[in-house]
N, C-alpha and C. Protein backbone atom coordinates (compact mmCIF):
# COMPACT_ATOMS: atom_id res chain seq x y z
N MET A 1 141.91 -3.20 -58.63
CA MET A 1 141.93 -4.39 -59.44
C MET A 1 141.32 -5.58 -58.69
N ARG A 2 141.65 -5.66 -57.40
CA ARG A 2 141.12 -6.75 -56.57
C ARG A 2 139.60 -6.67 -56.49
N ALA A 3 139.05 -5.47 -56.43
CA ALA A 3 137.59 -5.28 -56.36
C ALA A 3 136.92 -5.85 -57.60
N TRP A 4 137.52 -5.61 -58.78
CA TRP A 4 136.94 -6.16 -60.02
C TRP A 4 136.97 -7.68 -60.00
N ALA A 5 138.02 -8.26 -59.47
CA ALA A 5 138.12 -9.72 -59.40
C ALA A 5 137.03 -10.28 -58.51
N LEU A 6 136.76 -9.60 -57.40
CA LEU A 6 135.69 -10.04 -56.49
C LEU A 6 134.32 -9.92 -57.14
N ILE A 7 134.10 -8.83 -57.87
CA ILE A 7 132.82 -8.64 -58.56
C ILE A 7 132.62 -9.71 -59.63
N LEU A 8 133.64 -9.96 -60.41
CA LEU A 8 133.54 -10.99 -61.46
C LEU A 8 133.33 -12.37 -60.86
N ALA A 9 133.98 -12.66 -59.75
CA ALA A 9 133.79 -13.95 -59.09
C ALA A 9 132.36 -14.09 -58.58
N ALA A 10 131.83 -13.00 -58.03
CA ALA A 10 130.45 -13.04 -57.53
C ALA A 10 129.46 -13.25 -58.67
N LEU A 11 129.71 -12.61 -59.80
CA LEU A 11 128.81 -12.77 -60.94
C LEU A 11 128.89 -14.16 -61.54
N ALA A 12 130.05 -14.79 -61.46
CA ALA A 12 130.23 -16.13 -62.04
C ALA A 12 129.67 -17.21 -61.14
N THR A 13 129.45 -16.92 -59.87
CA THR A 13 128.92 -17.91 -58.93
C THR A 13 127.42 -18.00 -59.09
N PRO A 14 126.88 -19.22 -59.38
CA PRO A 14 125.44 -19.34 -59.54
C PRO A 14 124.71 -19.05 -58.23
N ALA A 15 123.60 -18.36 -58.34
CA ALA A 15 122.79 -18.04 -57.16
C ALA A 15 122.07 -19.31 -56.71
N THR A 16 122.01 -19.51 -55.42
CA THR A 16 121.29 -20.66 -54.90
C THR A 16 119.85 -20.24 -54.66
N ALA A 17 118.95 -20.93 -55.30
CA ALA A 17 117.53 -20.61 -55.13
C ALA A 17 117.03 -21.23 -53.83
N GLU A 18 116.38 -20.42 -53.06
CA GLU A 18 115.83 -20.89 -51.80
C GLU A 18 114.54 -21.67 -52.06
N THR A 19 114.38 -22.79 -51.39
CA THR A 19 113.17 -23.59 -51.56
C THR A 19 111.99 -22.82 -50.97
N PRO A 20 110.93 -22.64 -51.75
CA PRO A 20 109.76 -21.91 -51.23
C PRO A 20 109.18 -22.59 -49.98
N ALA A 21 108.62 -21.78 -49.11
CA ALA A 21 108.08 -22.28 -47.84
C ALA A 21 106.93 -23.26 -48.04
N TRP A 22 106.26 -23.22 -49.18
CA TRP A 22 105.10 -24.07 -49.41
C TRP A 22 105.46 -25.43 -50.01
N VAL A 23 106.73 -25.67 -50.31
CA VAL A 23 107.13 -26.97 -50.87
C VAL A 23 107.07 -28.02 -49.78
N GLY A 24 106.43 -29.15 -50.08
CA GLY A 24 106.33 -30.25 -49.13
C GLY A 24 105.02 -30.98 -49.26
N TYR A 25 104.78 -31.87 -48.31
CA TYR A 25 103.52 -32.60 -48.24
C TYR A 25 102.57 -31.86 -47.31
N TRP A 26 101.30 -31.74 -47.75
CA TRP A 26 100.28 -31.04 -46.98
C TRP A 26 99.01 -31.89 -46.95
N ALA A 27 98.31 -31.88 -45.82
CA ALA A 27 97.11 -32.70 -45.68
C ALA A 27 96.04 -31.97 -44.88
N GLU A 28 94.79 -32.37 -45.10
CA GLU A 28 93.68 -31.85 -44.30
C GLU A 28 93.58 -32.58 -42.98
N ASN A 29 94.10 -33.80 -42.94
CA ASN A 29 94.00 -34.67 -41.77
C ASN A 29 95.41 -35.09 -41.36
N ALA A 30 95.81 -34.84 -40.11
CA ALA A 30 97.16 -35.15 -39.64
C ALA A 30 97.50 -36.63 -39.79
N ALA A 31 96.53 -37.51 -39.65
CA ALA A 31 96.79 -38.95 -39.77
C ALA A 31 97.28 -39.33 -41.17
N TRP A 32 96.90 -38.55 -42.17
CA TRP A 32 97.30 -38.85 -43.54
C TRP A 32 98.79 -38.63 -43.76
N CYS A 33 99.42 -37.82 -42.93
CA CYS A 33 100.85 -37.53 -43.10
C CYS A 33 101.71 -38.78 -43.00
N ALA A 34 101.27 -39.78 -42.26
CA ALA A 34 102.02 -41.03 -42.15
C ALA A 34 102.13 -41.73 -43.50
N ASN A 35 101.25 -41.39 -44.44
CA ASN A 35 101.23 -42.02 -45.76
C ASN A 35 101.87 -41.16 -46.85
N ALA A 36 102.69 -40.17 -46.47
CA ALA A 36 103.33 -39.29 -47.46
C ALA A 36 104.17 -40.12 -48.42
N GLY A 37 104.00 -39.86 -49.70
CA GLY A 37 104.72 -40.59 -50.73
C GLY A 37 104.02 -41.84 -51.21
N GLU A 38 102.96 -42.22 -50.55
CA GLU A 38 102.16 -43.40 -50.92
C GLU A 38 101.06 -42.98 -51.90
N VAL A 39 100.37 -43.97 -52.45
CA VAL A 39 99.23 -43.71 -53.32
C VAL A 39 98.00 -44.28 -52.63
N GLY A 40 96.95 -43.49 -52.52
CA GLY A 40 95.74 -43.96 -51.87
C GLY A 40 94.85 -42.79 -51.47
N ASP A 41 93.69 -43.15 -50.93
CA ASP A 41 92.70 -42.14 -50.57
C ASP A 41 93.13 -41.24 -49.42
N GLU A 42 93.80 -41.79 -48.43
CA GLU A 42 94.14 -41.02 -47.24
C GLU A 42 95.62 -40.68 -47.24
N THR A 43 96.03 -39.91 -48.25
CA THR A 43 97.42 -39.50 -48.40
C THR A 43 97.50 -37.98 -48.54
N PRO A 44 98.60 -37.40 -48.12
CA PRO A 44 98.74 -35.95 -48.30
C PRO A 44 99.07 -35.62 -49.75
N ASP A 45 98.86 -34.38 -50.13
CA ASP A 45 99.19 -33.90 -51.47
C ASP A 45 100.61 -33.35 -51.45
N LEU A 46 101.30 -33.50 -52.59
CA LEU A 46 102.65 -32.99 -52.71
C LEU A 46 102.63 -31.66 -53.46
N TYR A 47 103.21 -30.65 -52.84
CA TYR A 47 103.37 -29.33 -53.46
C TYR A 47 104.86 -29.16 -53.72
N ASP A 48 105.24 -29.01 -55.00
CA ASP A 48 106.64 -28.74 -55.29
C ASP A 48 106.76 -27.50 -56.16
N GLN A 49 107.95 -27.18 -56.59
CA GLN A 49 108.17 -25.91 -57.29
C GLN A 49 107.54 -25.86 -58.68
N THR A 50 107.15 -27.01 -59.22
CA THR A 50 106.56 -27.02 -60.56
C THR A 50 105.08 -27.38 -60.57
N GLY A 51 104.57 -27.98 -59.50
CA GLY A 51 103.18 -28.39 -59.51
C GLY A 51 102.69 -28.94 -58.19
N ILE A 52 101.43 -29.37 -58.23
CA ILE A 52 100.75 -29.95 -57.07
C ILE A 52 100.22 -31.30 -57.52
N TYR A 53 100.39 -32.31 -56.67
CA TYR A 53 100.03 -33.67 -57.06
C TYR A 53 99.21 -34.33 -55.98
N GLY A 54 97.99 -34.74 -56.35
CA GLY A 54 97.11 -35.43 -55.43
C GLY A 54 96.68 -36.76 -56.04
N LEU A 55 95.73 -37.39 -55.42
CA LEU A 55 95.21 -38.66 -55.91
C LEU A 55 94.30 -38.39 -57.11
N GLU A 56 94.69 -38.85 -58.27
CA GLU A 56 93.93 -38.74 -59.52
C GLU A 56 93.73 -37.31 -60.01
N TRP A 57 94.58 -36.37 -59.59
CA TRP A 57 94.55 -35.01 -60.09
C TRP A 57 95.94 -34.40 -59.96
N SER A 58 96.20 -33.40 -60.76
CA SER A 58 97.47 -32.67 -60.65
C SER A 58 97.29 -31.28 -61.24
N CYS A 59 98.16 -30.38 -60.83
CA CYS A 59 98.16 -29.01 -61.34
C CYS A 59 99.59 -28.59 -61.62
N GLU A 60 99.79 -28.00 -62.78
CA GLU A 60 101.08 -27.43 -63.13
C GLU A 60 101.05 -25.96 -62.77
N ILE A 61 102.09 -25.48 -62.11
CA ILE A 61 102.14 -24.07 -61.75
C ILE A 61 102.57 -23.28 -62.97
N ASP A 62 101.69 -22.40 -63.44
CA ASP A 62 101.98 -21.55 -64.59
C ASP A 62 102.71 -20.28 -64.17
N GLN A 63 102.25 -19.72 -63.06
CA GLN A 63 102.86 -18.48 -62.57
C GLN A 63 102.65 -18.40 -61.07
N ILE A 64 103.67 -17.92 -60.39
CA ILE A 64 103.55 -17.68 -58.95
C ILE A 64 104.21 -16.34 -58.66
N THR A 65 103.47 -15.49 -57.95
CA THR A 65 103.94 -14.15 -57.66
C THR A 65 103.88 -13.93 -56.15
N ALA A 66 105.03 -13.61 -55.58
CA ALA A 66 105.06 -13.32 -54.15
C ALA A 66 104.32 -12.02 -53.88
N ILE A 67 103.57 -11.99 -52.81
CA ILE A 67 102.84 -10.80 -52.39
C ILE A 67 103.62 -10.16 -51.26
N PRO A 68 103.89 -8.86 -51.33
CA PRO A 68 104.67 -8.20 -50.28
C PRO A 68 104.10 -8.48 -48.89
N GLY A 69 105.00 -8.64 -47.94
CA GLY A 69 104.59 -8.92 -46.57
C GLY A 69 105.03 -10.31 -46.14
N GLY A 70 105.46 -11.13 -47.10
CA GLY A 70 105.99 -12.45 -46.79
C GLY A 70 104.93 -13.53 -46.63
N SER A 71 105.30 -14.74 -47.00
CA SER A 71 104.50 -15.95 -46.83
C SER A 71 103.14 -15.91 -47.52
N ARG A 72 103.05 -15.13 -48.63
CA ARG A 72 101.81 -15.06 -49.41
C ARG A 72 102.16 -15.04 -50.88
N TRP A 73 101.36 -15.80 -51.67
CA TRP A 73 101.62 -15.89 -53.10
C TRP A 73 100.31 -15.94 -53.88
N HIS A 74 100.31 -15.29 -55.04
CA HIS A 74 99.21 -15.44 -56.00
C HIS A 74 99.68 -16.53 -56.97
N VAL A 75 98.88 -17.58 -57.13
CA VAL A 75 99.29 -18.75 -57.91
C VAL A 75 98.28 -19.00 -59.03
N THR A 76 98.80 -19.17 -60.25
CA THR A 76 97.98 -19.55 -61.41
C THR A 76 98.42 -20.93 -61.84
N THR A 77 97.46 -21.83 -61.99
CA THR A 77 97.77 -23.21 -62.34
C THR A 77 96.91 -23.69 -63.51
N THR A 78 97.40 -24.72 -64.17
CA THR A 78 96.62 -25.48 -65.14
C THR A 78 96.48 -26.87 -64.54
N CYS A 79 95.24 -27.29 -64.32
CA CYS A 79 94.98 -28.54 -63.61
C CYS A 79 94.30 -29.57 -64.51
N LEU A 80 94.48 -30.83 -64.12
CA LEU A 80 93.82 -31.94 -64.78
C LEU A 80 93.17 -32.79 -63.70
N ASP A 81 91.85 -32.93 -63.79
CA ASP A 81 91.09 -33.71 -62.80
C ASP A 81 89.96 -34.42 -63.53
N ALA A 82 89.91 -35.72 -63.37
CA ALA A 82 88.87 -36.54 -64.01
C ALA A 82 88.80 -36.29 -65.52
N GLY A 83 89.97 -36.12 -66.14
CA GLY A 83 90.02 -35.93 -67.58
C GLY A 83 89.70 -34.52 -68.06
N GLU A 84 89.39 -33.64 -67.15
CA GLU A 84 89.07 -32.25 -67.50
C GLU A 84 90.26 -31.35 -67.18
N GLU A 85 90.64 -30.49 -68.13
CA GLU A 85 91.69 -29.52 -67.90
C GLU A 85 91.06 -28.16 -67.64
N PHE A 86 91.60 -27.45 -66.66
CA PHE A 86 91.08 -26.12 -66.34
C PHE A 86 92.17 -25.26 -65.72
N LYS A 87 91.99 -23.95 -65.80
CA LYS A 87 92.89 -22.98 -65.18
C LYS A 87 92.31 -22.59 -63.83
N ALA A 88 93.20 -22.27 -62.90
CA ALA A 88 92.74 -21.85 -61.58
C ALA A 88 93.67 -20.78 -61.04
N ASP A 89 93.09 -19.80 -60.36
CA ASP A 89 93.84 -18.78 -59.63
C ASP A 89 93.55 -18.95 -58.16
N SER A 90 94.59 -18.79 -57.35
CA SER A 90 94.38 -18.90 -55.91
C SER A 90 95.41 -18.08 -55.15
N LEU A 91 95.11 -17.88 -53.89
CA LEU A 91 96.00 -17.19 -52.97
C LEU A 91 96.49 -18.24 -51.98
N TRP A 92 97.80 -18.33 -51.81
CA TRP A 92 98.39 -19.26 -50.84
C TRP A 92 99.01 -18.43 -49.73
N ILE A 93 98.70 -18.81 -48.49
CA ILE A 93 99.22 -18.11 -47.32
C ILE A 93 99.75 -19.14 -46.33
N ILE A 94 100.99 -18.98 -45.90
CA ILE A 94 101.51 -19.79 -44.79
C ILE A 94 101.15 -19.01 -43.53
N THR A 95 100.33 -19.61 -42.68
CA THR A 95 99.84 -18.91 -41.49
C THR A 95 100.86 -18.98 -40.36
N HIS A 96 100.58 -18.24 -39.31
CA HIS A 96 101.46 -18.23 -38.15
C HIS A 96 101.53 -19.60 -37.48
N ARG A 97 100.59 -20.48 -37.77
CA ARG A 97 100.60 -21.85 -37.22
C ARG A 97 101.27 -22.84 -38.17
N ASP A 98 101.98 -22.32 -39.18
CA ASP A 98 102.65 -23.13 -40.21
C ASP A 98 101.67 -24.03 -40.93
N ARG A 99 100.52 -23.46 -41.27
CA ARG A 99 99.53 -24.15 -42.08
C ARG A 99 99.45 -23.43 -43.42
N LEU A 100 99.02 -24.15 -44.45
CA LEU A 100 98.88 -23.56 -45.78
C LEU A 100 97.40 -23.30 -46.02
N LEU A 101 97.05 -22.03 -46.06
CA LEU A 101 95.68 -21.63 -46.33
C LEU A 101 95.60 -21.28 -47.81
N ILE A 102 94.73 -21.98 -48.53
CA ILE A 102 94.55 -21.74 -49.96
C ILE A 102 93.14 -21.22 -50.17
N ILE A 103 93.05 -20.05 -50.81
CA ILE A 103 91.75 -19.46 -51.12
C ILE A 103 91.65 -19.36 -52.63
N ASP A 104 90.63 -20.02 -53.20
CA ASP A 104 90.51 -20.01 -54.66
C ASP A 104 89.76 -18.77 -55.13
N GLU A 105 89.66 -18.65 -56.45
CA GLU A 105 89.05 -17.45 -57.06
C GLU A 105 87.57 -17.29 -56.73
N TYR A 106 86.95 -18.34 -56.19
CA TYR A 106 85.53 -18.29 -55.83
C TYR A 106 85.32 -18.06 -54.34
N GLY A 107 86.42 -17.95 -53.60
CA GLY A 107 86.32 -17.74 -52.15
C GLY A 107 86.33 -19.01 -51.33
N ASN A 108 86.40 -20.17 -51.98
CA ASN A 108 86.51 -21.44 -51.25
C ASN A 108 87.91 -21.54 -50.65
N SER A 109 88.00 -22.18 -49.50
CA SER A 109 89.32 -22.27 -48.87
C SER A 109 89.62 -23.68 -48.37
N ASN A 110 90.91 -23.98 -48.31
CA ASN A 110 91.44 -25.21 -47.70
C ASN A 110 92.47 -24.79 -46.69
N ASP A 111 92.44 -25.40 -45.52
CA ASP A 111 93.40 -25.12 -44.46
C ASP A 111 94.19 -26.40 -44.24
N LEU A 112 95.41 -26.46 -44.79
CA LEU A 112 96.20 -27.68 -44.78
C LEU A 112 97.31 -27.61 -43.74
N LEU A 113 97.64 -28.76 -43.15
CA LEU A 113 98.74 -28.81 -42.21
C LEU A 113 99.96 -29.42 -42.88
N ARG A 114 101.12 -28.97 -42.48
CA ARG A 114 102.37 -29.44 -43.06
C ARG A 114 102.73 -30.81 -42.49
N CYS A 115 103.07 -31.73 -43.36
CA CYS A 115 103.56 -33.05 -42.94
C CYS A 115 105.07 -32.97 -42.79
N ALA A 116 105.61 -33.77 -41.89
CA ALA A 116 107.03 -33.74 -41.59
C ALA A 116 107.88 -34.25 -42.76
N LYS A 117 107.39 -35.21 -43.53
CA LYS A 117 108.19 -35.79 -44.62
C LYS A 117 108.42 -34.79 -45.72
N LYS A 118 109.68 -34.66 -46.14
CA LYS A 118 110.05 -33.74 -47.21
C LYS A 118 110.03 -34.48 -48.55
N PRO A 119 109.74 -33.79 -49.65
CA PRO A 119 109.76 -34.43 -50.95
C PRO A 119 111.18 -34.91 -51.29
N GLU A 120 111.25 -36.03 -51.99
CA GLU A 120 112.56 -36.59 -52.38
C GLU A 120 112.91 -36.22 -53.78
């Protein structure tokens, strides 16, 4: 009887979702990290669980699929940039140097460094 009570208690307890490793501020230039949360040309981009936000552009995450092996994801987004909406597929990899390597569907890549400031 006690075992059933423990099982029911476990099922009633909400699971805590772990924050993905890619959530945070990311920049191409380390100096830009000092401006996290600001608006301007030399600011890092914010990656959160629902989207990506940069200066005058944003992307909503439509689907994200973890790739076996850890720290890799296939990401599908709907983006808005300069009034144009478009879909994009990319591969996100957290490297051994704690950098975010993004490779788009055309083979273009961005190598971003993690900023210390966490999203609020």
